[in-house]
Protein backbone atom coordinates (compact mmCIF):
# COMPACT_ATOMS: atom_id res chain seq x y z
CA MET A 1 -118.87 25.64 -75.66
CA LYS A 2 -116.58 25.68 -78.76
CA TYR A 3 -116.96 29.36 -79.05
CA LEU A 4 -116.36 29.93 -75.37
CA ILE A 5 -112.90 27.97 -75.63
CA LEU A 6 -112.12 30.25 -78.75
CA LEU A 7 -113.01 33.40 -76.80
CA LEU A 8 -110.98 32.41 -73.81
CA PHE A 9 -108.02 31.68 -75.96
CA ILE A 10 -108.36 35.06 -77.70
CA LEU A 11 -108.59 36.87 -74.40
CA PHE A 12 -105.82 35.16 -72.41
CA VAL A 13 -103.32 33.50 -74.79
CA ILE A 14 -102.91 35.77 -77.62
CA PRO A 15 -102.14 38.95 -75.61
CA ILE A 16 -99.22 37.05 -73.93
CA TYR A 17 -97.63 36.69 -77.43
CA SER A 18 -98.52 39.92 -78.82
CA GLN A 19 -95.97 42.14 -76.97
CA ASP A 20 -94.96 45.68 -77.91
CA TYR A 21 -92.77 45.78 -80.94
CA GLU A 22 -94.00 49.31 -81.82
CA ASP A 23 -90.73 51.20 -80.82
CA ALA A 24 -88.43 48.78 -82.75
CA LYS A 25 -90.72 48.94 -85.77
CA ARG A 26 -90.85 52.65 -85.58
CA LEU A 27 -87.09 53.18 -85.23
CA SER A 28 -86.20 50.64 -87.86
CA ASN A 29 -88.24 52.65 -90.48
CA LEU A 30 -86.26 55.89 -89.91
CA GLU A 31 -84.84 57.19 -93.21
CA TYR A 32 -81.14 56.73 -92.11
CA MET A 33 -81.81 52.86 -91.63
CA LYS A 34 -81.68 52.56 -95.25
CA MET A 35 -77.95 52.79 -95.19
CA VAL A 36 -77.69 49.91 -92.79
CA LYS A 37 -75.94 47.74 -95.23
CA ASN A 38 -73.16 50.33 -95.53
CA SER A 39 -72.57 50.27 -91.69
CA ASP A 40 -69.98 48.06 -89.84
CA CYS A 41 -70.97 48.35 -86.17
CA GLU A 42 -68.04 46.31 -85.04
CA ASN A 43 -65.65 48.66 -86.67
CA GLN A 44 -67.43 51.92 -86.59
CA SER A 45 -65.84 55.05 -88.25
CA GLY A 46 -67.37 57.50 -85.70
CA THR A 47 -70.00 59.30 -88.03
CA SER A 48 -73.10 60.19 -86.19
CA ILE A 49 -75.08 58.32 -88.81
CA GLU A 50 -73.25 55.14 -88.19
CA GLN A 51 -73.65 55.62 -84.50
CA LYS A 52 -77.35 56.06 -84.90
CA ILE A 53 -77.70 52.91 -87.12
CA CYS A 54 -75.76 50.90 -84.72
CA LEU A 55 -77.52 51.99 -81.63
CA ASN A 56 -80.88 51.41 -83.54
CA LEU A 57 -79.78 47.80 -84.42
CA LYS A 58 -78.76 47.34 -80.74
CA PHE A 59 -82.03 48.70 -79.59
CA LYS A 60 -83.87 46.25 -81.90
CA LYS A 61 -81.86 43.45 -80.32
CA VAL A 62 -82.43 44.25 -76.79
CA ASP A 63 -86.03 44.99 -77.39
CA SER A 64 -86.50 41.58 -78.86
CA ILE A 65 -84.67 40.08 -75.86
CA LEU A 66 -87.06 42.02 -73.44
CA ASN A 67 -90.00 40.71 -75.17
CA LYS A 68 -88.92 37.15 -74.95
CA ARG A 69 -87.93 37.54 -71.30
CA PHE A 70 -91.33 39.19 -70.63
CA ILE A 71 -93.30 36.37 -72.34
CA THR A 72 -91.15 33.79 -70.12
CA TYR A 73 -92.15 35.58 -67.03
CA LEU A 74 -95.74 35.92 -67.96
CA LYS A 75 -95.85 32.04 -68.49
CA LYS A 76 -94.46 31.64 -64.98
CA VAL A 77 -97.24 33.64 -63.44
CA LYS A 78 -100.30 31.47 -62.76
CA ASN A 79 -102.76 34.09 -61.29
CA ASP A 80 -104.80 35.67 -64.21
CA THR A 81 -105.67 38.82 -62.25
CA LEU A 82 -101.88 39.37 -61.49
CA LYS A 83 -100.95 38.49 -64.95
CA SER A 84 -103.31 41.16 -66.26
CA LYS A 85 -101.76 43.79 -63.76
CA ILE A 86 -98.21 42.89 -64.93
CA LYS A 87 -99.15 43.26 -68.67
CA LEU A 88 -100.76 46.80 -67.77
CA TYR A 89 -97.61 47.94 -65.88
CA HIS A 90 -95.38 46.67 -68.78
CA LYS A 91 -97.32 48.65 -71.21
CA GLU A 92 -96.90 51.59 -68.89
CA TRP A 93 -93.27 50.98 -68.74
CA VAL A 94 -92.87 51.09 -72.37
CA LEU A 95 -94.46 54.64 -72.48
CA ASN A 96 -92.50 55.68 -69.60
CA ARG A 97 -89.23 54.37 -71.38
CA ARG A 98 -90.23 56.86 -74.42
CA MET A 99 -90.85 59.79 -72.11
CA GLN A 100 -87.55 59.37 -70.19
CA SER A 101 -85.68 59.01 -73.40
CA GLU A 102 -87.43 62.26 -74.79
CA ILE A 103 -86.45 63.99 -71.46
CA PHE A 104 -82.94 62.77 -71.55
CA CYS A 105 -82.28 64.40 -74.95
CA GLU A 106 -84.24 67.55 -74.50
CA GLY A 107 -82.53 70.50 -76.05
CA LEU A 108 -80.15 68.48 -78.28
CA ASN A 109 -79.92 69.03 -82.10
CA SER A 110 -80.94 66.47 -84.48
CA ASN A 111 -77.79 64.21 -84.67
CA ALA A 112 -77.02 64.30 -80.97
CA LEU A 113 -80.74 64.08 -80.24
CA GLY A 114 -81.11 60.75 -82.14
CA ILE A 115 -77.93 59.22 -80.66
CA TYR A 116 -78.92 60.09 -77.08
CA TYR A 117 -82.49 59.08 -77.49
CA LEU A 118 -81.39 55.67 -78.89
CA TRP A 119 -78.81 55.30 -76.27
CA SER A 120 -81.42 56.01 -73.46
CA MET A 121 -83.87 53.49 -75.03
CA VAL A 122 -81.14 50.88 -75.18
CA ASN A 123 -80.06 51.51 -71.39
CA SER A 124 -83.57 51.50 -70.14
CA THR A 125 -84.46 48.23 -71.99
CA GLU A 126 -81.19 46.63 -70.66
CA LEU A 127 -82.13 47.55 -67.03
CA ARG A 128 -85.73 46.15 -67.51
CA ILE A 129 -84.31 43.00 -68.92
CA LYS A 130 -82.31 42.55 -65.82
CA GLU A 131 -85.40 43.36 -63.69
CA ILE A 132 -87.48 40.69 -65.47
CA GLU A 133 -84.70 38.15 -65.24
CA LEU A 134 -84.41 38.54 -61.47
CA LEU A 135 -88.32 38.12 -61.27
CA ILE A 136 -88.12 34.85 -63.44
CA GLN A 137 -85.45 33.46 -61.08
CA ASN A 138 -87.47 33.87 -58.03
């Protein structure tokens, strides 16, 4: 019985709290992020590196908000089958966000590519946050 409870905990509780932070980690580890301490996102000088750093930091922030809102939403859903479907959809949404961002910046050079990619990631994430907030309210 003890093992059954542990197994159920592993299967149903842990996945709720282990949301997708892969994009935020991957983008935070880019080479230019080593210069983050030299950037002032409130008073940007307009360099492309600074734009990428600030967009990267903004993405990290909105992605964290998204994950918190998603956990809140999952807690609200009582039906385990529906909850599993929602988790699967969200994983697909994360993959779609990446693909849309890649398509959005297709054909651009390296600096513009990074800026447009990050902007698209931020924008898509902010829209998803609004969607989840509406679901939480209902």
